[in-house]
Amino acid sequence: MPPSLPPHRALLLSVETGQSTLEHEMRAEQASALGHAGRRVEAALAALTDGDEARLGDAAEAVWRYFIQREACGLRDHRPVIRALGIPARVLARLGAR
């Protein structure tokens, strides 16, 4: 507790507000959802085989959902995760296609 503040004021400064608690919970949920989406991408890419259109569509859907979740977290540049996850160009070419 800072010596220049009376004890009751220092206590008020150390207590989280309801808003900051809510913001913390929201960030934790976003991070959890992003992790789940990333694991779904990894699984879909691992299952991807040449010529399997259904799995290609599943992988593209998983990547699309992952990108949307990243953007909701404020992460707009997908190039680092495209490289890190090794997302093939054929999957990227399918994004948005229905």
N, C-alpha and C. Protein backbone atom coordinates (compact mmCIF):
# COMPACT_ATOMS: atom_id res chain seq x y z
N MET A 1 0.86 -1.18 0.00
CA MET A 1 0.00 0.00 0.00
C MET A 1 0.90 1.23 0.00
N PRO A 2 0.68 2.17 -0.91
CA PRO A 2 1.50 3.38 -0.95
C PRO A 2 1.35 4.17 0.33
N PRO A 3 2.43 4.69 0.86
CA PRO A 3 2.37 5.43 2.12
C PRO A 3 1.61 6.75 2.02
N SER A 4 1.48 7.33 0.82
CA SER A 4 0.83 8.62 0.69
C SER A 4 -0.69 8.52 0.65
N LEU A 5 -1.24 7.33 0.50
CA LEU A 5 -2.69 7.15 0.45
C LEU A 5 -3.22 6.62 1.78
N PRO A 6 -4.36 7.16 2.22
CA PRO A 6 -4.99 6.59 3.41
C PRO A 6 -5.38 5.14 3.11
N PRO A 7 -5.44 4.27 4.11
CA PRO A 7 -5.73 2.84 3.90
C PRO A 7 -7.00 2.58 3.10
N HIS A 8 -8.07 3.33 3.35
CA HIS A 8 -9.31 3.07 2.63
C HIS A 8 -9.19 3.41 1.14
N ARG A 9 -8.39 4.41 0.79
CA ARG A 9 -8.20 4.77 -0.63
C ARG A 9 -7.33 3.71 -1.32
N ALA A 10 -6.31 3.22 -0.64
CA ALA A 10 -5.45 2.20 -1.23
C ALA A 10 -6.26 0.93 -1.49
N LEU A 11 -7.18 0.58 -0.62
CA LEU A 11 -8.02 -0.59 -0.81
C LEU A 11 -8.90 -0.42 -2.04
N LEU A 12 -9.45 0.75 -2.24
CA LEU A 12 -10.28 1.00 -3.41
C LEU A 12 -9.49 0.84 -4.70
N LEU A 13 -8.24 1.23 -4.69
CA LEU A 13 -7.42 1.12 -5.88
C LEU A 13 -7.07 -0.33 -6.19
N SER A 14 -7.05 -1.19 -5.20
CA SER A 14 -6.65 -2.57 -5.43
C SER A 14 -7.81 -3.48 -5.80
N VAL A 15 -9.04 -3.02 -5.68
CA VAL A 15 -10.20 -3.84 -5.99
C VAL A 15 -10.55 -3.66 -7.47
N GLU A 16 -10.73 -4.79 -8.18
CA GLU A 16 -11.12 -4.71 -9.59
C GLU A 16 -12.56 -4.24 -9.71
N THR A 17 -12.81 -3.48 -10.73
CA THR A 17 -14.18 -3.06 -11.00
C THR A 17 -14.91 -4.20 -11.71
N GLY A 18 -16.20 -4.14 -11.70
CA GLY A 18 -16.98 -5.15 -12.41
C GLY A 18 -16.66 -5.16 -13.89
N GLN A 19 -16.43 -3.99 -14.45
CA GLN A 19 -16.12 -3.90 -15.87
C GLN A 19 -14.79 -4.56 -16.19
N SER A 20 -13.76 -4.32 -15.39
CA SER A 20 -12.46 -4.93 -15.69
C SER A 20 -12.52 -6.44 -15.50
N THR A 21 -13.31 -6.91 -14.55
CA THR A 21 -13.48 -8.35 -14.38
C THR A 21 -14.16 -8.95 -15.60
N LEU A 22 -15.19 -8.29 -16.09
CA LEU A 22 -15.90 -8.75 -17.28
C LEU A 22 -14.98 -8.74 -18.50
N GLU A 23 -14.20 -7.70 -18.65
CA GLU A 23 -13.27 -7.63 -19.78
C GLU A 23 -12.25 -8.76 -19.72
N HIS A 24 -11.76 -9.06 -18.52
CA HIS A 24 -10.82 -10.15 -18.34
C HIS A 24 -11.47 -11.48 -18.74
N GLU A 25 -12.68 -11.72 -18.31
CA GLU A 25 -13.40 -12.94 -18.65
C GLU A 25 -13.63 -13.04 -20.15
N MET A 26 -13.96 -11.93 -20.79
CA MET A 26 -14.20 -11.93 -22.23
C MET A 26 -12.91 -12.27 -22.99
N ARG A 27 -11.79 -11.69 -22.55
CA ARG A 27 -10.50 -12.00 -23.20
C ARG A 27 -10.14 -13.47 -23.02
N ALA A 28 -10.43 -14.01 -21.84
CA ALA A 28 -10.15 -15.43 -21.59
C ALA A 28 -11.00 -16.32 -22.49
N GLU A 29 -12.26 -15.97 -22.69
CA GLU A 29 -13.14 -16.73 -23.59
C GLU A 29 -12.66 -16.64 -25.03
N GLN A 30 -12.23 -15.44 -25.45
CA GLN A 30 -11.71 -15.29 -26.81
C GLN A 30 -10.48 -16.16 -27.02
N ALA A 31 -9.58 -16.15 -26.04
CA ALA A 31 -8.36 -16.95 -26.15
C ALA A 31 -8.69 -18.44 -26.20
N SER A 32 -9.64 -18.87 -25.39
CA SER A 32 -10.04 -20.27 -25.39
C SER A 32 -10.65 -20.66 -26.74
N ALA A 33 -11.54 -19.82 -27.25
CA ALA A 33 -12.17 -20.10 -28.55
C ALA A 33 -11.13 -20.13 -29.66
N LEU A 34 -10.15 -19.24 -29.60
CA LEU A 34 -9.10 -19.21 -30.60
C LEU A 34 -8.27 -20.50 -30.54
N GLY A 35 -7.97 -20.96 -29.35
CA GLY A 35 -7.22 -22.21 -29.19
C GLY A 35 -7.99 -23.39 -29.76
N HIS A 36 -9.28 -23.45 -29.47
CA HIS A 36 -10.11 -24.54 -30.00
C HIS A 36 -10.14 -24.50 -31.53
N ALA A 37 -10.31 -23.32 -32.08
CA ALA A 37 -10.36 -23.17 -33.54
C ALA A 37 -9.04 -23.58 -34.17
N GLY A 38 -7.94 -23.23 -33.53
CA GLY A 38 -6.62 -23.61 -34.03
C GLY A 38 -6.42 -25.12 -34.02
N ARG A 39 -6.89 -25.77 -32.97
CA ARG A 39 -6.78 -27.24 -32.90
C ARG A 39 -7.65 -27.91 -33.97
N ARG A 40 -8.81 -27.31 -34.27
CA ARG A 40 -9.66 -27.85 -35.34
C ARG A 40 -8.96 -27.72 -36.69
N VAL A 41 -8.26 -26.62 -36.90
CA VAL A 41 -7.50 -26.44 -38.15
C VAL A 41 -6.41 -27.51 -38.24
N GLU A 42 -5.67 -27.70 -37.17
CA GLU A 42 -4.60 -28.71 -37.18
C GLU A 42 -5.14 -30.09 -37.49
N ALA A 43 -6.27 -30.45 -36.88
CA ALA A 43 -6.87 -31.77 -37.13
C ALA A 43 -7.35 -31.89 -38.57
N ALA A 44 -7.97 -30.83 -39.09
CA ALA A 44 -8.48 -30.87 -40.46
C ALA A 44 -7.33 -30.96 -41.46
N LEU A 45 -6.24 -30.27 -41.19
CA LEU A 45 -5.09 -30.33 -42.08
C LEU A 45 -4.42 -31.69 -42.02
N ALA A 46 -4.38 -32.29 -40.84
CA ALA A 46 -3.78 -33.62 -40.69
C ALA A 46 -4.59 -34.67 -41.45
N ALA A 47 -5.90 -34.49 -41.52
CA ALA A 47 -6.78 -35.44 -42.21
C ALA A 47 -6.82 -35.22 -43.71
N LEU A 48 -6.26 -34.13 -44.17
CA LEU A 48 -6.33 -33.76 -45.58
C LEU A 48 -5.48 -34.70 -46.43
N THR A 49 -6.09 -35.22 -47.48
CA THR A 49 -5.36 -36.07 -48.42
C THR A 49 -5.60 -35.52 -49.83
N ASP A 50 -4.72 -35.91 -50.74
CA ASP A 50 -4.86 -35.46 -52.14
C ASP A 50 -6.15 -35.98 -52.74
N GLY A 51 -6.87 -35.11 -53.40
CA GLY A 51 -8.06 -35.51 -54.14
C GLY A 51 -9.31 -35.70 -53.31
N ASP A 52 -9.25 -35.53 -52.02
CA ASP A 52 -10.44 -35.71 -51.17
C ASP A 52 -11.15 -34.37 -51.03
N GLU A 53 -12.15 -34.17 -51.87
CA GLU A 53 -12.85 -32.88 -51.88
C GLU A 53 -13.59 -32.59 -50.57
N ALA A 54 -14.14 -33.60 -49.93
CA ALA A 54 -14.87 -33.39 -48.67
C ALA A 54 -13.91 -32.90 -47.59
N ARG A 55 -12.76 -33.53 -47.51
CA ARG A 55 -11.79 -33.10 -46.48
C ARG A 55 -11.18 -31.74 -46.82
N LEU A 56 -11.04 -31.46 -48.10
CA LEU A 56 -10.57 -30.14 -48.50
C LEU A 56 -11.57 -29.08 -48.07
N GLY A 57 -12.85 -29.35 -48.26
CA GLY A 57 -13.90 -28.44 -47.81
C GLY A 57 -13.91 -28.28 -46.30
N ASP A 58 -13.70 -29.38 -45.58
CA ASP A 58 -13.65 -29.32 -44.11
C ASP A 58 -12.47 -28.47 -43.64
N ALA A 59 -11.32 -28.66 -44.29
CA ALA A 59 -10.14 -27.88 -43.92
C ALA A 59 -10.35 -26.40 -44.20
N ALA A 60 -10.93 -26.09 -45.36
CA ALA A 60 -11.19 -24.69 -45.70
C ALA A 60 -12.16 -24.07 -44.70
N GLU A 61 -13.18 -24.81 -44.32
CA GLU A 61 -14.15 -24.31 -43.34
C GLU A 61 -13.48 -24.06 -41.98
N ALA A 62 -12.63 -24.98 -41.55
CA ALA A 62 -11.92 -24.83 -40.27
C ALA A 62 -11.00 -23.62 -40.30
N VAL A 63 -10.28 -23.43 -41.41
CA VAL A 63 -9.37 -22.28 -41.54
C VAL A 63 -10.17 -20.99 -41.57
N TRP A 64 -11.26 -20.98 -42.31
CA TRP A 64 -12.11 -19.78 -42.38
C TRP A 64 -12.60 -19.39 -40.98
N ARG A 65 -13.10 -20.37 -40.23
CA ARG A 65 -13.59 -20.10 -38.87
C ARG A 65 -12.45 -19.61 -37.97
N TYR A 66 -11.27 -20.18 -38.14
CA TYR A 66 -10.10 -19.76 -37.36
C TYR A 66 -9.73 -18.32 -37.68
N PHE A 67 -9.74 -17.96 -38.95
CA PHE A 67 -9.42 -16.59 -39.34
C PHE A 67 -10.44 -15.61 -38.76
N ILE A 68 -11.71 -15.98 -38.79
CA ILE A 68 -12.75 -15.12 -38.22
C ILE A 68 -12.51 -14.93 -36.72
N GLN A 69 -12.18 -16.00 -36.01
CA GLN A 69 -11.91 -15.91 -34.57
C GLN A 69 -10.69 -15.04 -34.31
N ARG A 70 -9.65 -15.18 -35.14
CA ARG A 70 -8.46 -14.32 -34.98
C ARG A 70 -8.83 -12.86 -35.16
N GLU A 71 -9.65 -12.58 -36.17
CA GLU A 71 -10.05 -11.20 -36.42
C GLU A 71 -10.88 -10.64 -35.28
N ALA A 72 -11.70 -11.48 -34.67
CA ALA A 72 -12.49 -11.04 -33.51
C ALA A 72 -11.58 -10.69 -32.32
N CYS A 73 -10.39 -11.28 -32.30
CA CYS A 73 -9.40 -10.98 -31.25
C CYS A 73 -8.49 -9.82 -31.64
N GLY A 74 -8.73 -9.24 -32.81
CA GLY A 74 -7.91 -8.11 -33.25
C GLY A 74 -6.68 -8.50 -34.04
N LEU A 75 -6.57 -9.78 -34.40
CA LEU A 75 -5.40 -10.27 -35.14
C LEU A 75 -5.77 -10.32 -36.63
N ARG A 76 -5.31 -9.35 -37.38
CA ARG A 76 -5.73 -9.20 -38.76
C ARG A 76 -4.79 -9.84 -39.78
N ASP A 77 -3.52 -9.99 -39.44
CA ASP A 77 -2.54 -10.53 -40.37
C ASP A 77 -2.45 -12.05 -40.18
N HIS A 78 -2.92 -12.79 -41.17
CA HIS A 78 -2.96 -14.25 -41.06
C HIS A 78 -1.71 -14.92 -41.62
N ARG A 79 -0.84 -14.15 -42.24
CA ARG A 79 0.35 -14.74 -42.86
C ARG A 79 1.21 -15.55 -41.89
N PRO A 80 1.43 -15.06 -40.65
CA PRO A 80 2.26 -15.87 -39.74
C PRO A 80 1.66 -17.24 -39.42
N VAL A 81 0.34 -17.33 -39.26
CA VAL A 81 -0.25 -18.63 -38.95
C VAL A 81 -0.38 -19.50 -40.19
N ILE A 82 -0.50 -18.88 -41.34
CA ILE A 82 -0.51 -19.66 -42.58
C ILE A 82 0.82 -20.39 -42.72
N ARG A 83 1.92 -19.67 -42.44
CA ARG A 83 3.25 -20.29 -42.48
C ARG A 83 3.44 -21.30 -41.35
N ALA A 84 3.08 -20.90 -40.14
CA ALA A 84 3.31 -21.77 -38.97
C ALA A 84 2.52 -23.07 -39.05
N LEU A 85 1.30 -23.00 -39.53
CA LEU A 85 0.46 -24.21 -39.63
C LEU A 85 0.65 -24.94 -40.96
N GLY A 86 1.34 -24.29 -41.88
CA GLY A 86 1.56 -24.91 -43.18
C GLY A 86 0.26 -25.10 -43.94
N ILE A 87 -0.59 -24.09 -43.92
CA ILE A 87 -1.88 -24.18 -44.61
C ILE A 87 -1.62 -24.18 -46.12
N PRO A 88 -2.01 -25.24 -46.80
CA PRO A 88 -1.73 -25.33 -48.23
C PRO A 88 -2.50 -24.30 -49.05
N ALA A 89 -1.93 -23.93 -50.18
CA ALA A 89 -2.57 -22.96 -51.07
C ALA A 89 -3.93 -23.45 -51.53
N ARG A 90 -4.09 -24.75 -51.72
CA ARG A 90 -5.39 -25.27 -52.19
C ARG A 90 -6.48 -25.09 -51.15
N VAL A 91 -6.09 -25.08 -49.88
CA VAL A 91 -7.08 -24.80 -48.82
C VAL A 91 -7.42 -23.31 -48.83
N LEU A 92 -6.41 -22.48 -48.91
CA LEU A 92 -6.63 -21.03 -48.94
C LEU A 92 -7.47 -20.61 -50.14
N ALA A 93 -7.28 -21.30 -51.26
CA ALA A 93 -8.05 -20.97 -52.47
C ALA A 93 -9.52 -21.27 -52.29
N ARG A 94 -9.85 -22.15 -51.37
CA ARG A 94 -11.26 -22.53 -51.14
C ARG A 94 -11.98 -21.63 -50.13
N LEU A 95 -11.25 -20.76 -49.46
CA LEU A 95 -11.88 -19.93 -48.45
C LEU A 95 -12.99 -19.09 -49.06
N GLY A 96 -14.13 -19.13 -48.42
CA GLY A 96 -15.26 -18.36 -48.89
C GLY A 96 -16.07 -19.05 -49.97
N ALA A 97 -15.55 -20.09 -50.57
CA ALA A 97 -16.30 -20.81 -51.60
C ALA A 97 -17.33 -21.72 -50.93
N ARG A 98 -18.54 -21.72 -51.44
CA ARG A 98 -19.61 -22.57 -50.88
C ARG A 98 -20.13 -23.49 -51.95
